[in-house]
C-alpha atoms as a PDB file:
ATOM      1  CA  MET A   1      96.278 119.459 114.734  1.00  0.00           C
ATOM      2  CA  ASP A   2      99.464 121.241 114.637  1.00  0.00           C
ATOM      3  CA  LEU A   3     100.305 121.938 110.500  1.00  0.00           C
ATOM      4  CA  GLU A   4     103.941 122.581 110.959  1.00  0.00           C
ATOM      5  CA  ARG A   5     104.261 119.281 113.228  1.00  0.00           C
ATOM      6  CA  LEU A   6     103.012 117.804 110.860  1.00  0.00           C
ATOM      7  CA  ILE A   7     104.857 118.447 107.681  1.00  0.00           C
ATOM      8  CA  THR A   8     107.614 118.410 109.671  1.00  0.00           C
ATOM      9  CA  ARG A   9     107.038 114.978 110.883  1.00  0.00           C
ATOM     10  CA  ALA A  10     106.314 113.954 107.093  1.00  0.00           C
ATOM     11  CA  ILE A  11     109.803 114.654 105.711  1.00  0.00           C
ATOM     12  CA  GLU A  12     111.178 112.890 108.127  1.00  0.00           C
ATOM     13  CA  ILE A  13     109.545 109.885 107.157  1.00  0.00           C
ATOM     14  CA  GLN A  14     110.125 110.484 103.821  1.00  0.00           C
ATOM     15  CA  SER A  15     113.758 110.939 104.005  1.00  0.00           C
ATOM     16  CA  ILE A  16     113.883 107.220 105.625  1.00  0.00           C
ATOM     17  CA  PRO A  17     114.205 104.832 102.310  1.00  0.00           C
ATOM     18  CA  ALA A  18     111.770 101.604 103.014  1.00  0.00           C
ATOM     19  CA  PRO A  19     111.477 100.145  99.373  1.00  0.00           C
ATOM     20  CA  THR A  20     108.756  97.459  99.550  1.00  0.00           C
ATOM     21  CA  PHE A  21     109.900  94.437 101.691  1.00  0.00           C
ATOM     22  CA  TYR A  22     112.911  96.787 103.429  1.00  0.00           C
ATOM     23  CA  GLU A  23     110.547  98.981 105.783  1.00  0.00           C
ATOM     24  CA  SER A  24     111.835  98.343 108.879  1.00  0.00           C
ATOM     25  CA  LYS A  25     113.904 101.595 109.662  1.00  0.00           C
ATOM     26  CA  ARG A  26     110.267 103.138 108.979  1.00  0.00           C
ATOM     27  CA  ALA A  27     108.031 100.980 111.130  1.00  0.00           C
ATOM     28  CA  ILE A  28     111.334 101.760 114.017  1.00  0.00           C
ATOM     29  CA  PHE A  29     110.518 105.434 113.376  1.00  0.00           C
ATOM     30  CA  LEU A  30     106.821 105.273 113.599  1.00  0.00           C
ATOM     31  CA  LYS A  31     107.093 102.990 116.724  1.00  0.00           C
ATOM     32  CA  ASN A  32     109.500 105.717 118.446  1.00  0.00           C
ATOM     33  CA  ALA A  33     106.268 108.387 117.594  1.00  0.00           C
ATOM     34  CA  PHE A  34     104.089 105.959 118.986  1.00  0.00           C
ATOM     35  CA  GLU A  35     105.920 105.630 122.330  1.00  0.00           C
ATOM     36  CA  ASN A  36     106.150 109.538 122.832  1.00  0.00           C
ATOM     37  CA  ALA A  37     102.435 110.167 121.734  1.00  0.00           C
ATOM     38  CA  ASN A  38     101.832 107.189 124.556  1.00  0.00           C
ATOM     39  CA  LEU A  39      99.896 104.936 122.493  1.00  0.00           C
ATOM     40  CA  LYS A  40      98.581 101.519 124.321  1.00  0.00           C
ATOM     41  CA  ASP A  41      99.835  98.100 123.061  1.00  0.00           C
ATOM     42  CA  ILE A  42     102.524  99.143 120.886  1.00  0.00           C
ATOM     43  CA  GLU A  43     103.857  96.182 118.752  1.00  0.00           C
ATOM     44  CA  LEU A  44     105.703  95.160 115.884  1.00  0.00           C
ATOM     45  CA  ASP A  45     104.343  91.998 113.921  1.00  0.00           C
ATOM     46  CA  THR A  46     105.810  89.113 112.228  1.00  0.00           C
ATOM     47  CA  VAL A  47     105.046  90.780 109.097  1.00  0.00           C
ATOM     48  CA  GLY A  48     106.584  94.120 110.416  1.00  0.00           C
ATOM     49  CA  ASN A  49     102.947  95.858 110.700  1.00  0.00           C
ATOM     50  CA  LEU A  50     103.181  98.325 113.218  1.00  0.00           C
ATOM     51  CA  TYR A  51     100.110  98.775 115.622  1.00  0.00           C
ATOM     52  CA  GLY A  52      99.300 101.335 118.314  1.00  0.00           C
ATOM     53  CA  LEU A  53      96.021 101.018 120.350  1.00  0.00           C
ATOM     54  CA  ILE A  54      93.798 104.179 121.253  1.00  0.00           C
ATOM     55  CA  PRO A  55      91.470 102.715 124.150  1.00  0.00           C
ATOM     56  CA  GLY A  56      87.650 103.448 123.637  1.00  0.00           C
ATOM     57  CA  SER A  57      84.838 102.344 125.474  1.00  0.00           C
ATOM     58  CA  GLY A  58      83.405  99.482 123.479  1.00  0.00           C
ATOM     59  CA  ASN A  59      83.629  97.015 121.096  1.00  0.00           C
ATOM     60  CA  HIS A  60      83.838  97.026 117.375  1.00  0.00           C
ATOM     61  CA  PRO A  61      86.467  98.867 116.908  1.00  0.00           C
ATOM     62  CA  ILE A  62      88.221 101.537 113.939  1.00  0.00           C
ATOM     63  CA  ILE A  63      91.064 100.264 111.868  1.00  0.00           C
ATOM     64  CA  ILE A  64      93.048 103.213 110.510  1.00  0.00           C
ATOM     65  CA  SER A  65      96.128 102.471 108.615  1.00  0.00           C
ATOM     66  CA  ALA A  66      98.627 103.833 106.129  1.00  0.00           C
ATOM     67  CA  HIS A  67     101.395 101.975 104.157  1.00  0.00           C
ATOM     68  CA  LEU A  68     104.818 102.077 105.092  1.00  0.00           C
ATOM     69  CA  ASP A  69     106.609 100.923 101.779  1.00  0.00           C
ATOM     70  CA  THR A  70     107.469 102.824  98.447  1.00  0.00           C
ATOM     71  CA  VAL A  71     108.563 102.259  94.861  1.00  0.00           C
ATOM     72  CA  PHE A  72     111.748 103.782  95.146  1.00  0.00           C
ATOM     73  CA  PRO A  73     114.806 101.449  95.487  1.00  0.00           C
ATOM     74  CA  GLU A  74     116.728 102.207  99.024  1.00  0.00           C
ATOM     75  CA  ASP A  75     119.478 104.216  97.038  1.00  0.00           C
ATOM     76  CA  THR A  76     117.058 106.719  95.241  1.00  0.00           C
ATOM     77  CA  PRO A  77     118.106 110.177  96.914  1.00  0.00           C
ATOM     78  CA  LEU A  78     115.288 111.611  98.757  1.00  0.00           C
ATOM     79  CA  ASP A  79     116.028 114.641  98.434  1.00  0.00           C
ATOM     80  CA  SER A  80     112.451 117.333  99.572  1.00  0.00           C
ATOM     81  CA  ARG A  81     111.945 121.081  99.044  1.00  0.00           C
ATOM     82  CA  ARG A  82     109.241 123.255 100.047  1.00  0.00           C
ATOM     83  CA  ASP A  83     107.904 125.773  97.190  1.00  0.00           C
ATOM     84  CA  GLY A  84     105.063 128.129  98.507  1.00  0.00           C
ATOM     85  CA  ASN A  85     102.160 125.415  98.567  1.00  0.00           C
ATOM     86  CA  ARG A  86     103.911 122.503  97.733  1.00  0.00           C
ATOM     87  CA  ILE A  87     106.211 120.112  99.206  1.00  0.00           C
ATOM     88  CA  TYR A  88     108.068 117.845  96.869  1.00  0.00           C
ATOM     89  CA  GLY A  89     110.134 114.754  97.296  1.00  0.00           C
ATOM     90  CA  PRO A  90     109.638 111.005  96.158  1.00  0.00           C
ATOM     91  CA  GLY A  91     107.093 109.343  98.149  1.00  0.00           C
ATOM     92  CA  ILE A  92     106.219 112.851 100.191  1.00  0.00           C
ATOM     93  CA  GLY A  93     102.123 111.751  99.001  1.00  0.00           C
ATOM     94  CA  ASP A  94     102.305 108.022  98.955  1.00  0.00           C
ATOM     95  CA  ASN A  95     102.231 107.512 101.661  1.00  0.00           C
ATOM     96  CA  SER A  96     103.958 109.930 103.988  1.00  0.00           C
ATOM     97  CA  ILE A  97     102.104 112.370 104.849  1.00  0.00           C
ATOM     98  CA  ALA A  98      99.820 109.430 105.748  1.00  0.00           C
ATOM     99  CA  LEU A  99     101.590 108.191 108.081  1.00  0.00           C
ATOM    100  CA  ALA A 100     102.500 111.286 109.812  1.00  0.00           C
ATOM    101  CA  THR A 101      98.956 111.554 110.078  1.00  0.00           C
ATOM    102  CA  LEU A 102      98.939 108.732 112.141  1.00  0.00           C
ATOM    103  CA  ILE A 103     100.855 110.025 114.777  1.00  0.00           C
ATOM    104  CA  GLU A 104      99.284 113.279 114.828  1.00  0.00           C
ATOM    105  CA  LEU A 105      95.978 111.097 115.615  1.00  0.00           C
ATOM    106  CA  ALA A 106      97.641 109.440 118.146  1.00  0.00           C
ATOM    107  CA  LEU A 107      98.628 113.303 119.889  1.00  0.00           C
ATOM    108  CA  ASP A 108      95.300 114.552 119.059  1.00  0.00           C
ATOM    109  CA  LEU A 109      92.683 111.496 119.811  1.00  0.00           C
ATOM    110  CA  SER A 110      94.473 110.100 123.100  1.00  0.00           C
ATOM    111  CA  SER A 111      92.831 112.501 125.313  1.00  0.00           C
ATOM    112  CA  GLU A 112      89.343 112.578 124.010  1.00  0.00           C
ATOM    113  CA  LYS A 113      86.561 109.684 124.957  1.00  0.00           C
ATOM    114  CA  LEU A 114      85.636 107.760 122.338  1.00  0.00           C
ATOM    115  CA  GLU A 115      83.543 105.419 121.425  1.00  0.00           C
ATOM    116  CA  HIS A 116      85.525 102.932 120.145  1.00  0.00           C
ATOM    117  CA  ASP A 117      88.910 101.541 120.373  1.00  0.00           C
ATOM    118  CA  ILE A 118      90.713 102.762 117.388  1.00  0.00           C
ATOM    119  CA  TRP A 119      93.735 100.738 116.191  1.00  0.00           C
ATOM    120  CA  LEU A 120      96.497 103.151 114.079  1.00  0.00           C
ATOM    121  CA  VAL A 121      98.445 100.828 111.740  1.00  0.00           C
ATOM    122  CA  ALA A 122     101.427 101.324 109.798  1.00  0.00           C
ATOM    123  CA  ASN A 123     101.486  98.443 107.291  1.00  0.00           C
ATOM    124  CA  VAL A 124     104.083  96.658 104.931  1.00  0.00           C
ATOM    125  CA  CYS A 125     104.057  95.711 101.373  1.00  0.00           C
ATOM    126  CA  GLU A 126     101.096  97.908  99.416  1.00  0.00           C
ATOM    127  CA  GLU A 127     103.428  98.440  97.084  1.00  0.00           C
ATOM    128  CA  GLY A 128     105.051  96.485  93.706  1.00  0.00           C
ATOM    129  CA  LEU A 129     105.090  92.335  94.799  1.00  0.00           C
ATOM    130  CA  GLY A 130     104.469  93.378  98.260  1.00  0.00           C
ATOM    131  CA  ASN A 131     101.037  91.660  97.020  1.00  0.00           C
ATOM    132  CA  ILE A 132      99.003  93.767 100.043  1.00  0.00           C
ATOM    133  CA  ARG A 133     101.071  91.200 102.523  1.00  0.00           C
ATOM    134  CA  GLY A 134     100.531  94.048 105.455  1.00  0.00           C
ATOM    135  CA  MET A 135      97.058  94.718 104.723  1.00  0.00           C
ATOM    136  CA  ARG A 136      96.334  91.330 104.913  1.00  0.00           C
ATOM    137  CA  GLY A 137      97.883  90.793 107.832  1.00  0.00           C
ATOM    138  CA  VAL A 138      96.063  93.298 109.593  1.00  0.00           C
ATOM    139  CA  VAL A 139      92.376  91.554 108.285  1.00  0.00           C
ATOM    140  CA  ASN A 140      93.713  88.320 109.798  1.00  0.00           C
ATOM    141  CA  ARG A 141      94.148  89.752 112.724  1.00  0.00           C
ATOM    142  CA  PHE A 142      90.968  92.018 113.326  1.00  0.00           C
ATOM    143  CA  GLN A 143      88.954  89.665 110.722  1.00  0.00           C
ATOM    144  CA  ASP A 144      85.266  91.157 111.203  1.00  0.00           C
ATOM    145  CA  GLN A 145      85.438  92.874 114.336  1.00  0.00           C
ATOM    146  CA  PRO A 146      86.239  96.364 113.083  1.00  0.00           C
ATOM    147  CA  GLN A 147      83.664  99.000 112.794  1.00  0.00           C
ATOM    148  CA  ALA A 148      85.000 100.100 109.771  1.00  0.00           C
ATOM    149  CA  TYR A 149      88.409  99.552 108.181  1.00  0.00           C
ATOM    150  CA  ILE A 150      89.860 102.879 106.897  1.00  0.00           C
ATOM    151  CA  VAL A 151      92.871 103.234 104.700  1.00  0.00           C
ATOM    152  CA  LEU A 152      94.611 106.472 104.208  1.00  0.00           C
ATOM    153  CA  GLU A 153      96.617 107.492 100.892  1.00  0.00           C
ATOM    154  CA  GLY A 154      98.136 111.193 101.188  1.00  0.00           C
ATOM    155  CA  MET A 155      96.444 112.289  97.658  1.00  0.00           C
ATOM    156  CA  ALA A 156      93.360 112.341  96.131  1.00  0.00           C
ATOM    157  CA  LEU A 157      91.662 114.419  98.607  1.00  0.00           C
ATOM    158  CA  GLY A 158      88.052 114.298  98.247  1.00  0.00           C
ATOM    159  CA  ASN A 159      87.856 110.550  96.685  1.00  0.00           C
ATOM    160  CA  ILE A 160      86.556 107.560  98.407  1.00  0.00           C
ATOM    161  CA  TYR A 161      87.523 104.442  96.812  1.00  0.00           C
ATOM    162  CA  HIS A 162      85.116 101.902  97.820  1.00  0.00           C
ATOM    163  CA  LYS A 163      85.689  99.036  95.597  1.00  0.00           C
ATOM    164  CA  GLY A 164      88.448  97.217  95.492  1.00  0.00           C
ATOM    165  CA  LEU A 165      89.933  97.026  91.557  1.00  0.00           C
ATOM    166  CA  ARG A 166      90.991  93.041  91.009  1.00  0.00           C
ATOM    167  CA  VAL A 167      94.738  92.355  89.914  1.00  0.00           C
ATOM    168  CA  LYS A 168      96.648  89.917  88.579  1.00  0.00           C
ATOM    169  CA  ARG A 169     100.619  89.591  88.121  1.00  0.00           C
ATOM    170  CA  TYR A 170     102.728  87.524  86.107  1.00  0.00           C
ATOM    171  CA  ARG A 171     106.565  86.889  85.770  1.00  0.00           C
ATOM    172  CA  ILE A 172     106.712  85.437  81.319  1.00  0.00           C
ATOM    173  CA  THR A 173     110.201  83.990  81.509  1.00  0.00           C
ATOM    174  CA  VAL A 174     111.840  82.448  78.199  1.00  0.00           C
ATOM    175  CA  GLU A 175     114.723  79.837  78.125  1.00  0.00           C
ATOM    176  CA  THR A 176     117.008  78.866  74.767  1.00  0.00           C
ATOM    177  CA  ALA A 177     119.768  76.870  75.196  1.00  0.00           C
ATOM    178  CA  GLY A 178     121.753  80.567  74.114  1.00  0.00           C
ATOM    179  CA  GLY A 179     125.286  81.080  72.447  1.00  0.00           C
ATOM    180  CA  HIS A 180     127.585  82.790  70.913  1.00  0.00           C
ATOM    181  CA  SER A 181     125.851  85.334  68.328  1.00  0.00           C
ATOM    182  CA  TRP A 182     128.307  84.635  64.841  1.00  0.00           C
ATOM    183  CA  ALA A 183     129.449  81.173  65.927  1.00  0.00           C
ATOM    184  CA  HIS A 184     125.753  80.099  66.581  1.00  0.00           C
ATOM    185  CA  ALA A 185     123.720  82.571  65.013  1.00  0.00           C
ATOM    186  CA  GLY A 186     120.088  81.097  63.600  1.00  0.00           C
ATOM    187  CA  ARG A 187     119.745  79.497  67.206  1.00  0.00           C
ATOM    188  CA  PRO A 188     116.496  80.993  69.028  1.00  0.00           C
ATOM    189  CA  SER A 189     117.042  83.825  71.224  1.00  0.00           C
ATOM    190  CA  ALA A 190     115.732  84.199  74.507  1.00  0.00           C
ATOM    191  CA  ILE A 191     115.338  88.112  73.885  1.00  0.00           C
ATOM    192  CA  HIS A 192     114.170  87.945  70.358  1.00  0.00           C
ATOM    193  CA  THR A 193     111.187  85.422  71.165  1.00  0.00           C
ATOM    194  CA  LEU A 194     110.220  87.248  74.030  1.00  0.00           C
ATOM    195  CA  PHE A 195     109.853  90.401  72.254  1.00  0.00           C
ATOM    196  CA  LYS A 196     107.700  88.263  70.035  1.00  0.00           C
ATOM    197  CA  LEU A 197     105.394  86.856  72.495  1.00  0.00           C
ATOM    198  CA  GLY A 198     104.910  90.502  74.133  1.00  0.00           C
ATOM    199  CA  SER A 199     104.483  92.392  70.860  1.00  0.00           C
ATOM    200  CA  GLU A 200     101.602  90.122  70.502  1.00  0.00           C
ATOM    201  CA  ILE A 201     100.480  90.371  74.194  1.00  0.00           C
ATOM    202  CA  ILE A 202     100.162  94.040  74.340  1.00  0.00           C
ATOM    203  CA  ASP A 203      98.297  93.620  70.821  1.00  0.00           C
ATOM    204  CA  ILE A 204      95.557  92.291  72.623  1.00  0.00           C
ATOM    205  CA  ASP A 205      92.405  93.726  72.351  1.00  0.00           C
ATOM    206  CA  LEU A 206      91.200  95.097  75.515  1.00  0.00           C
ATOM    207  CA  PRO A 207      87.800  95.033  76.523  1.00  0.00           C
ATOM    208  CA  LEU A 208      85.686  98.094  76.011  1.00  0.00           C
ATOM    209  CA  ASP A 209      82.391  97.435  78.292  1.00  0.00           C
ATOM    210  CA  GLN A 210      84.471  97.348  81.471  1.00  0.00           C
ATOM    211  CA  ARG A 211      87.953  99.170  82.062  1.00  0.00           C
ATOM    212  CA  THR A 212      90.383  96.803  81.966  1.00  0.00           C
ATOM    213  CA  THR A 213      94.189  98.001  81.323  1.00  0.00           C
ATOM    214  CA  LEU A 214      97.584  95.915  80.570  1.00  0.00           C
ATOM    215  CA  ASN A 215     101.007  96.909  81.665  1.00  0.00           C
ATOM    216  CA  VAL A 216     104.844  95.724  81.032  1.00  0.00           C
ATOM    217  CA  GLY A 217     106.142  97.081  83.646  1.00  0.00           C
ATOM    218  CA  VAL A 218     109.345  95.086  83.580  1.00  0.00           C
ATOM    219  CA  ILE A 219     111.854  93.565  81.275  1.00  0.00           C
ATOM    220  CA  ALA A 220     115.315  91.322  81.880  1.00  0.00           C
ATOM    221  CA  GLY A 221     117.484  88.981  80.441  1.00  0.00           C
ATOM    222  CA  GLY A 222     121.082  88.394  78.251  1.00  0.00           C
ATOM    223  CA  THR A 223     124.347  88.454  79.098  1.00  0.00           C
ATOM    224  CA  SER A 224     126.195  90.256  76.819  1.00  0.00           C
ATOM    225  CA  ILE A 225     125.915  92.382  73.608  1.00  0.00           C
ATOM    226  CA  ASN A 226     127.210  89.642  71.532  1.00  0.00           C
ATOM    227  CA  THR A 227     125.666  86.644  73.142  1.00  0.00           C
ATOM    228  CA  ILE A 228     122.424  85.179  72.343  1.00  0.00           C
ATOM    229  CA  ALA A 229     120.636  85.153  75.555  1.00  0.00           C
ATOM    230  CA  ASN A 230     119.386  81.948  76.809  1.00  0.00           C
ATOM    231  CA  GLN A 231     116.895  83.973  79.404  1.00  0.00           C
ATOM    232  CA  ALA A 232     115.150  86.664  79.508  1.00  0.00           C
ATOM    233  CA  SER A 233     111.704  87.727  81.342  1.00  0.00           C
ATOM    234  CA  LEU A 234     109.217  90.347  81.715  1.00  0.00           C
ATOM    235  CA  GLU A 235     106.589  91.462  84.590  1.00  0.00           C
ATOM    236  CA  LEU A 236     102.877  91.962  83.931  1.00  0.00           C
ATOM    237  CA  ASP A 237     100.431  93.650  85.260  1.00  0.00           C
ATOM    238  CA  LEU A 238      96.323  93.049  84.872  1.00  0.00           C
ATOM    239  CA  ARG A 239      93.595  95.050  85.755  1.00  0.00           C
ATOM    240  CA  SER A 240      89.948  95.133  84.992  1.00  0.00           C
ATOM    241  CA  GLU A 241      86.849  96.350  86.609  1.00  0.00           C
ATOM    242  CA  GLY A 242      85.389  93.400  85.078  1.00  0.00           C
ATOM    243  CA  ASP A 243      85.829  90.046  87.069  1.00  0.00           C
ATOM    244  CA  ALA A 244      85.094  88.045  83.084  1.00  0.00           C
ATOM    245  CA  GLN A 245      87.197  90.667  81.166  1.00  0.00           C
ATOM    246  CA  LEU A 246      90.110  90.228  83.916  1.00  0.00           C
ATOM    247  CA  ASP A 247      89.755  86.268  83.666  1.00  0.00           C
ATOM    248  CA  THR A 248      89.202  86.202  79.823  1.00  0.00           C
ATOM    249  CA  LEU A 249      92.554  88.503  79.203  1.00  0.00           C
ATOM    250  CA  ASP A 250      94.235  85.962  81.523  1.00  0.00           C
ATOM    251  CA  ARG A 251      93.432  83.191  79.435  1.00  0.00           C
ATOM    252  CA  ALA A 252      94.643  84.685  76.054  1.00  0.00           C
ATOM    253  CA  ILE A 253      97.852  85.672  77.664  1.00  0.00           C
ATOM    254  CA  LYS A 254      98.393  82.160  79.189  1.00  0.00           C
ATOM    255  CA  ASN A 255      97.137  80.604  75.479  1.00  0.00           C
ATOM    256  CA  LEU A 256      99.961  82.899  73.908  1.00  0.00           C
ATOM    257  CA  CYS A 257     103.044  81.330  76.428  1.00  0.00           C
ATOM    258  CA  HIS A 258     101.598  78.077  75.358  1.00  0.00           C
ATOM    259  CA  ASP A 259     101.864  78.498  71.270  1.00  0.00           C
ATOM    260  CA  TYR A 260     105.590  79.771  72.414  1.00  0.00           C
ATOM    261  CA  HIS A 261     106.779  76.896  73.859  1.00  0.00           C
ATOM    262  CA  ARG A 262     108.116  74.344  72.380  1.00  0.00           C
ATOM    263  CA  ASP A 263     111.641  71.606  72.670  1.00  0.00           C
ATOM    264  CA  GLU A 264     113.893  74.378  71.613  1.00  0.00           C
ATOM    265  CA  ILE A 265     112.340  77.219  73.760  1.00  0.00           C
ATOM    266  CA  LYS A 266     110.777  77.533  76.924  1.00  0.00           C
ATOM    267  CA  VAL A 267     107.972  79.466  77.667  1.00  0.00           C
ATOM    268  CA  LYS A 268     107.245  79.521  81.772  1.00  0.00           C
ATOM    269  CA  ILE A 269     104.313  81.737  83.274  1.00  0.00           C
ATOM    270  CA  SER A 270     104.058  82.406  87.141  1.00  0.00           C
ATOM    271  CA  MET A 271     102.026  84.837  89.069  1.00  0.00           C
ATOM    272  CA  VAL A 272     103.943  86.607  91.215  1.00  0.00           C
ATOM    273  CA  GLY A 273     100.965  89.146  92.967  1.00  0.00           C
ATOM    274  CA  GLU A 274      97.022  88.778  92.895  1.00  0.00           C
ATOM    275  CA  ARG A 275      94.822  91.579  94.964  1.00  0.00           C
ATOM    276  CA  PRO A 276      91.497  90.135  95.273  1.00  0.00           C
ATOM    277  CA  GLY A 277      88.279  92.892  94.495  1.00  0.00           C
ATOM    278  CA  GLY A 278      85.384  94.056  96.381  1.00  0.00           C
ATOM    279  CA  SER A 279      83.348  96.535  97.484  1.00  0.00           C
ATOM    280  CA  LEU A 280      80.579  98.718  99.389  1.00  0.00           C
ATOM    281  CA  PRO A 281      77.273  99.309  97.638  1.00  0.00           C
ATOM    282  CA  ASP A 282      77.354 103.124  96.956  1.00  0.00           C
ATOM    283  CA  ASP A 283      74.749 104.011  99.804  1.00  0.00           C
ATOM    284  CA  HIS A 284      76.575 101.812 102.196  1.00  0.00           C
ATOM    285  CA  PRO A 285      76.799 103.972 105.793  1.00  0.00           C
ATOM    286  CA  LEU A 286      80.243 104.166 105.763  1.00  0.00           C
ATOM    287  CA  ILE A 287      80.426 105.832 102.569  1.00  0.00           C
ATOM    288  CA  ALA A 288      77.688 108.102 103.485  1.00  0.00           C
ATOM    289  CA  ALA A 289      79.559 109.215 106.658  1.00  0.00           C
ATOM    290  CA  ALA A 290      82.824 109.934 104.736  1.00  0.00           C
ATOM    291  CA  CYS A 291      81.214 112.281 102.373  1.00  0.00           C
ATOM    292  CA  SER A 292      79.170 113.881 105.308  1.00  0.00           C
ATOM    293  CA  ALA A 293      82.685 114.339 106.960  1.00  0.00           C
ATOM    294  CA  LEU A 294      84.499 115.791 103.452  1.00  0.00           C
ATOM    295  CA  LYS A 295      81.249 118.135 103.565  1.00  0.00           C
ATOM    296  CA  SER A 296      81.637 119.336 107.016  1.00  0.00           C
ATOM    297  CA  ALA A 297      85.415 120.079 106.312  1.00  0.00           C
ATOM    298  CA  GLY A 298      84.557 122.593 103.434  1.00  0.00           C
ATOM    299  CA  VAL A 299      85.456 119.805 100.417  1.00  0.00           C
ATOM    300  CA  ARG A 300      83.262 120.055  98.036  1.00  0.00           C
ATOM    301  CA  GLU A 301      84.084 116.846  96.037  1.00  0.00           C
ATOM    302  CA  CYS A 302      83.354 113.227  96.937  1.00  0.00           C
ATOM    303  CA  HIS A 303      83.662 110.933  94.095  1.00  0.00           C
ATOM    304  CA  LEU A 304      83.500 107.495  94.740  1.00  0.00           C
ATOM    305  CA  GLU A 305      86.147 105.075  93.373  1.00  0.00           C
ATOM    306  CA  VAL A 306      87.269 101.935  92.264  1.00  0.00           C
ATOM    307  CA  GLY A 307      90.739 101.875  92.830  1.00  0.00           C
ATOM    308  CA  SER A 308      93.815  99.284  94.040  1.00  0.00           C
ATOM    309  CA  THR A 309      94.635 100.358  97.831  1.00  0.00           C
ATOM    310  CA  ASP A 310      94.720  98.229 100.731  1.00  0.00           C
ATOM    311  CA  ALA A 311      91.085  98.356 101.101  1.00  0.00           C
ATOM    312  CA  ASN A 312      91.030  95.461  99.146  1.00  0.00           C
ATOM    313  CA  ALA A 313      91.498  93.304 101.960  1.00  0.00           C
ATOM    314  CA  PRO A 314      89.383  93.513 103.707  1.00  0.00           C
ATOM    315  CA  LEU A 315      86.141  94.938 100.920  1.00  0.00           C
ATOM    316  CA  SER A 316      87.344  91.259  99.492  1.00  0.00           C
ATOM    317  CA  LYS A 317      85.910  89.772 102.565  1.00  0.00           C
ATOM    318  CA  GLY A 318      83.003  91.562 102.976  1.00  0.00           C
ATOM    319  CA  TYR A 319      83.504  93.845 105.845  1.00  0.00           C
ATOM    320  CA  PRO A 320      83.423  97.841 105.603  1.00  0.00           C
ATOM    321  CA  ALA A 321      86.416  99.574 104.355  1.00  0.00           C
ATOM    322  CA  ILE A 322      87.095 102.793 102.255  1.00  0.00           C
ATOM    323  CA  CYS A 323      90.699 104.668 101.677  1.00  0.00           C
ATOM    324  CA  ILE A 324      90.489 107.886 101.371  1.00  0.00           C
ATOM    325  CA  GLY A 325      92.947 110.783 100.684  1.00  0.00           C
ATOM    326  CA  LEU A 326      94.358 113.617 102.918  1.00  0.00           C
ATOM    327  CA  THR A 327      95.581 116.142 100.160  1.00  0.00           C
ATOM    328  CA  ARG A 328      96.004 116.950  97.389  1.00  0.00           C
ATOM    329  CA  GLY A 329      99.226 116.218  94.814  1.00  0.00           C
ATOM    330  CA  ASP A 330     100.971 114.720  91.743  1.00  0.00           C
ATOM    331  CA  GLY A 331     103.817 112.682  90.278  1.00  0.00           C
ATOM    332  CA  ALA A 332     103.138 109.894  92.500  1.00  0.00           C
ATOM    333  CA  HIS A 333     105.727 106.802  91.690  1.00  0.00           C
ATOM    334  CA  THR A 334     108.052 109.747  90.000  1.00  0.00           C
ATOM    335  CA  PRO A 335     110.805 111.957  91.662  1.00  0.00           C
ATOM    336  CA  HIS A 336     109.037 114.673  90.714  1.00  0.00           C
ATOM    337  CA  GLU A 337     106.142 113.854  93.561  1.00  0.00           C
ATOM    338  CA  TYR A 338     104.665 116.776  95.185  1.00  0.00           C
ATOM    339  CA  ILE A 339     101.847 117.592  97.638  1.00  0.00           C
ATOM    340  CA  GLU A 340      99.630 120.506  97.839  1.00  0.00           C
ATOM    341  CA  ILE A 341      99.871 122.307 101.722  1.00  0.00           C
ATOM    342  CA  SER A 342      96.775 124.481 101.795  1.00  0.00           C
ATOM    343  CA  PRO A 343      94.274 120.869 101.387  1.00  0.00           C
ATOM    344  CA  ILE A 344      96.056 119.011 104.317  1.00  0.00           C
ATOM    345  CA  GLU A 345      94.028 120.632 107.053  1.00  0.00           C
ATOM    346  CA  ARG A 346      90.654 120.370 105.611  1.00  0.00           C
ATOM    347  CA  GLY A 347      91.823 116.515 105.225  1.00  0.00           C
ATOM    348  CA  TYR A 348      92.947 115.899 108.538  1.00  0.00           C
ATOM    349  CA  THR A 349      89.468 117.550 109.841  1.00  0.00           C
ATOM    350  CA  ALA A 350      87.332 115.368 107.478  1.00  0.00           C
ATOM    351  CA  LEU A 351      89.081 112.219 108.850  1.00  0.00           C
ATOM    352  CA  THR A 352      88.650 113.411 112.278  1.00  0.00           C
ATOM    353  CA  ASN A 353      85.319 113.742 111.826  1.00  0.00           C
ATOM    354  CA  LEU A 354      84.490 110.572 110.145  1.00  0.00           C
ATOM    355  CA  ILE A 355      86.230 109.129 113.160  1.00  0.00           C
ATOM    356  CA  ARG A 356      84.284 110.511 115.411  1.00  0.00           C
ATOM    357  CA  SER A 357      80.837 109.987 113.336  1.00  0.00           C
ATOM    358  CA  LEU A 358      81.225 106.540 113.919  1.00  0.00           C
END
């Protein structure tokens, strides 16, 4: 591995806007890099995923993926800076450093004699309402053939995500007749109703036996300050480590929406995303291999974690999959995001050790 080359590439990738559903510019950059690294069978599929093959000598390929998209709108300033042991920039850790690692793997492993084919995949739609569409396409393509699915994220070095957290996402919309704030005073307002409904939703007692979260991430609606709003909506993210707990919360929210629905107030709840759950047992050979690879690279920590990542897609089908981090950092999904430089070599070594051990 050439650390400076890897860092330079990560910064180049970070500077290319790639909001969910609009990742094509980054994909083309990666495609050119894959071609320069002489990967085989390079392909952009109909979903937008990029594939490149390092041929091996046997069946049961290893899939190594990193997502192309970020949470930031296309007009977000993507300035970056290097300050001592840190690189700052929106999306540098989530997930530009992992995408740069795919290119580095292409350069490093292409000359080796490998036991298995290795597919490097830069996939779309991991973030937001992408609903892991890209990784679902990868799993539909390879199904149960791979020896392992290894999903790369930039940060969280030392963590192994082997349990996929179930997620349900809804858009709740309120519609009323609306009107003029003075002339039609007293008519129901979609915004006022949404406030009341939303307040009841966030006051629901969450289960204590299994970690469960509820988040209103987006609110929209209204026409003007002096208009009784005829439409308003919110977007709601629900997660739980327990299936029963998530389903109970789901029913409670739907019941509240039903209670607010009446002749003059229409309340609609529609699913806008769902991530399936799944897991590997703690003693699975893939997890043991990942922990061993971390230790051999000098990473002392090996924490088994639950998370919502692209690994959810293969895990939900019962296929061996983990998500691992490459370095450490903080500020993900904010303009102040950063990664640390010094752990990158250990993270990369752990990854290549894992690949070779498989």
